[in-house]
């Protein structure tokens, strides 16, 4: 079974998973609860949060890999891969 979510739902689910993870770290759960939680997170298959960037023209937030702004359609200069530092 494949589950798909909209962007806003994914963001909310990631936020909820993070909040519950923090609570579980503060109050260590039983092994059964820890395993069930881990299985649920695996089934959700949320993956990492997308990398974002800000449009230099209008300030809209969008996907890091975007070539055009979703709001003003300005051309966006490709960014180097994250973690790659170019000496200047």
C-alpha atoms as a PDB file:
ATOM      1  CA  UNK A   1       0.000   0.000   0.000  1.00  0.00           C
ATOM      2  CA  UNK A   2       1.345   3.400  -0.958  1.00  0.00           C
ATOM      3  CA  UNK A   3       0.470   6.525   1.010  1.00  0.00           C
ATOM      4  CA  UNK A   4       0.904  10.007  -0.415  1.00  0.00           C
ATOM      5  CA  UNK A   5       0.509  13.305   1.397  1.00  0.00           C
ATOM      6  CA  UNK A   6       0.381  16.935   0.358  1.00  0.00           C
ATOM      7  CA  UNK A   7       3.299  19.219   1.241  1.00  0.00           C
ATOM      8  CA  UNK A   8       1.468  20.798   4.178  1.00  0.00           C
ATOM      9  CA  UNK A   9       0.523  17.372   5.549  1.00  0.00           C
ATOM     10  CA  UNK A  10       4.119  16.172   5.242  1.00  0.00           C
ATOM     11  CA  UNK A  11       5.377  19.219   7.107  1.00  0.00           C
ATOM     12  CA  UNK A  12       2.799  18.712   9.861  1.00  0.00           C
ATOM     13  CA  UNK A  13       3.537  14.978  10.132  1.00  0.00           C
ATOM     14  CA  UNK A  14       7.301  15.608  10.368  1.00  0.00           C
ATOM     15  CA  UNK A  15       6.660  18.183  13.087  1.00  0.00           C
ATOM     16  CA  UNK A  16       4.451  15.769  15.035  1.00  0.00           C
ATOM     17  CA  UNK A  17       6.953  12.920  14.716  1.00  0.00           C
ATOM     18  CA  UNK A  18       9.722  15.198  16.013  1.00  0.00           C
ATOM     19  CA  UNK A  19       7.586  16.373  18.963  1.00  0.00           C
ATOM     20  CA  UNK A  20       6.648  12.810  19.918  1.00  0.00           C
ATOM     21  CA  UNK A  21      10.277  11.679  19.581  1.00  0.00           C
ATOM     22  CA  UNK A  22      11.286  14.413  22.047  1.00  0.00           C
ATOM     23  CA  UNK A  23       8.605  13.303  24.508  1.00  0.00           C
ATOM     24  CA  UNK A  24       9.660   9.660  24.192  1.00  0.00           C
ATOM     25  CA  UNK A  25      13.281  10.669  24.889  1.00  0.00           C
ATOM     26  CA  UNK A  26      12.232  12.430  28.108  1.00  0.00           C
ATOM     27  CA  UNK A  27      10.044   9.586  29.370  1.00  0.00           C
ATOM     28  CA  UNK A  28      11.602   6.352  28.110  1.00  0.00           C
ATOM     29  CA  UNK A  29       8.792   4.160  26.757  1.00  0.00           C
ATOM     30  CA  UNK A  30       8.429   0.415  27.079  1.00  0.00           C
ATOM     31  CA  UNK A  31      10.205  -1.664  24.451  1.00  0.00           C
ATOM     32  CA  UNK A  32       6.822  -2.533  22.896  1.00  0.00           C
ATOM     33  CA  UNK A  33       5.890   1.129  22.515  1.00  0.00           C
ATOM     34  CA  UNK A  34       9.338   1.990  21.134  1.00  0.00           C
ATOM     35  CA  UNK A  35       9.040  -0.785  18.510  1.00  0.00           C
ATOM     36  CA  UNK A  36       5.463   0.186  17.573  1.00  0.00           C
ATOM     37  CA  UNK A  37       6.462   3.850  17.223  1.00  0.00           C
ATOM     38  CA  UNK A  38       9.460   2.946  15.073  1.00  0.00           C
ATOM     39  CA  UNK A  39       7.277   0.783  12.836  1.00  0.00           C
ATOM     40  CA  UNK A  40       4.683   3.559  12.467  1.00  0.00           C
ATOM     41  CA  UNK A  41       7.357   6.092  11.482  1.00  0.00           C
ATOM     42  CA  UNK A  42       8.726   3.595   8.920  1.00  0.00           C
ATOM     43  CA  UNK A  43       5.247   3.028   7.445  1.00  0.00           C
ATOM     44  CA  UNK A  44       4.671   6.791   7.168  1.00  0.00           C
ATOM     45  CA  UNK A  45       7.846   6.977   5.063  1.00  0.00           C
ATOM     46  CA  UNK A  46       8.144  10.736   5.488  1.00  0.00           C
ATOM     47  CA  UNK A  47      11.813  10.960   4.554  1.00  0.00           C
ATOM     48  CA  UNK A  48      13.883  14.036   5.288  1.00  0.00           C
ATOM     49  CA  UNK A  49      12.491  17.547   5.083  1.00  0.00           C
ATOM     50  CA  UNK A  50      13.065  19.142   1.680  1.00  0.00           C
ATOM     51  CA  UNK A  51      15.881  21.636   1.349  1.00  0.00           C
ATOM     52  CA  UNK A  52      14.508  25.157   0.895  1.00  0.00           C
ATOM     53  CA  UNK A  53      15.826  28.446  -0.396  1.00  0.00           C
ATOM     54  CA  UNK A  54      14.555  32.027  -0.454  1.00  0.00           C
ATOM     55  CA  UNK A  55      13.926  33.855  -3.718  1.00  0.00           C
ATOM     56  CA  UNK A  56      16.297  36.847  -3.891  1.00  0.00           C
ATOM     57  CA  UNK A  57      13.656  38.854  -5.796  1.00  0.00           C
ATOM     58  CA  UNK A  58      10.476  38.447  -3.756  1.00  0.00           C
ATOM     59  CA  UNK A  59      11.561  36.545  -0.631  1.00  0.00           C
ATOM     60  CA  UNK A  60       9.241  33.548  -1.224  1.00  0.00           C
ATOM     61  CA  UNK A  61      10.423  30.248   0.226  1.00  0.00           C
ATOM     62  CA  UNK A  62      10.710  27.371  -2.231  1.00  0.00           C
ATOM     63  CA  UNK A  63      12.548  24.192  -3.059  1.00  0.00           C
ATOM     64  CA  UNK A  64      16.356  24.441  -3.071  1.00  0.00           C
ATOM     65  CA  UNK A  65      16.577  22.753  -6.503  1.00  0.00           C
ATOM     66  CA  UNK A  66      14.028  25.103  -8.114  1.00  0.00           C
ATOM     67  CA  UNK A  67      15.056  26.974 -11.237  1.00  0.00           C
ATOM     68  CA  UNK A  68      12.141  29.453 -11.033  1.00  0.00           C
ATOM     69  CA  UNK A  69      10.371  31.085  -8.092  1.00  0.00           C
ATOM     70  CA  UNK A  70       6.848  29.767  -7.521  1.00  0.00           C
ATOM     71  CA  UNK A  71       5.536  33.257  -6.755  1.00  0.00           C
ATOM     72  CA  UNK A  72       7.261  35.720  -9.083  1.00  0.00           C
ATOM     73  CA  UNK A  73       8.721  33.321 -11.655  1.00  0.00           C
ATOM     74  CA  UNK A  74      12.170  34.884 -11.427  1.00  0.00           C
ATOM     75  CA  UNK A  75      14.972  32.662 -12.723  1.00  0.00           C
ATOM     76  CA  UNK A  76      16.944  31.208  -9.806  1.00  0.00           C
ATOM     77  CA  UNK A  77      20.666  30.551  -9.987  1.00  0.00           C
ATOM     78  CA  UNK A  78      21.458  26.895  -9.238  1.00  0.00           C
ATOM     79  CA  UNK A  79      22.996  26.443  -5.798  1.00  0.00           C
ATOM     80  CA  UNK A  80      25.954  24.139  -5.158  1.00  0.00           C
ATOM     81  CA  UNK A  81      25.086  20.872  -3.397  1.00  0.00           C
ATOM     82  CA  UNK A  82      24.544  21.416   0.311  1.00  0.00           C
ATOM     83  CA  UNK A  83      27.669  20.776   2.339  1.00  0.00           C
ATOM     84  CA  UNK A  84      29.932  21.714  -0.571  1.00  0.00           C
ATOM     85  CA  UNK A  85      31.887  24.855   0.251  1.00  0.00           C
ATOM     86  CA  UNK A  86      33.477  26.742  -2.595  1.00  0.00           C
ATOM     87  CA  UNK A  87      36.639  28.634  -1.658  1.00  0.00           C
ATOM     88  CA  UNK A  88      36.536  32.234  -2.762  1.00  0.00           C
END
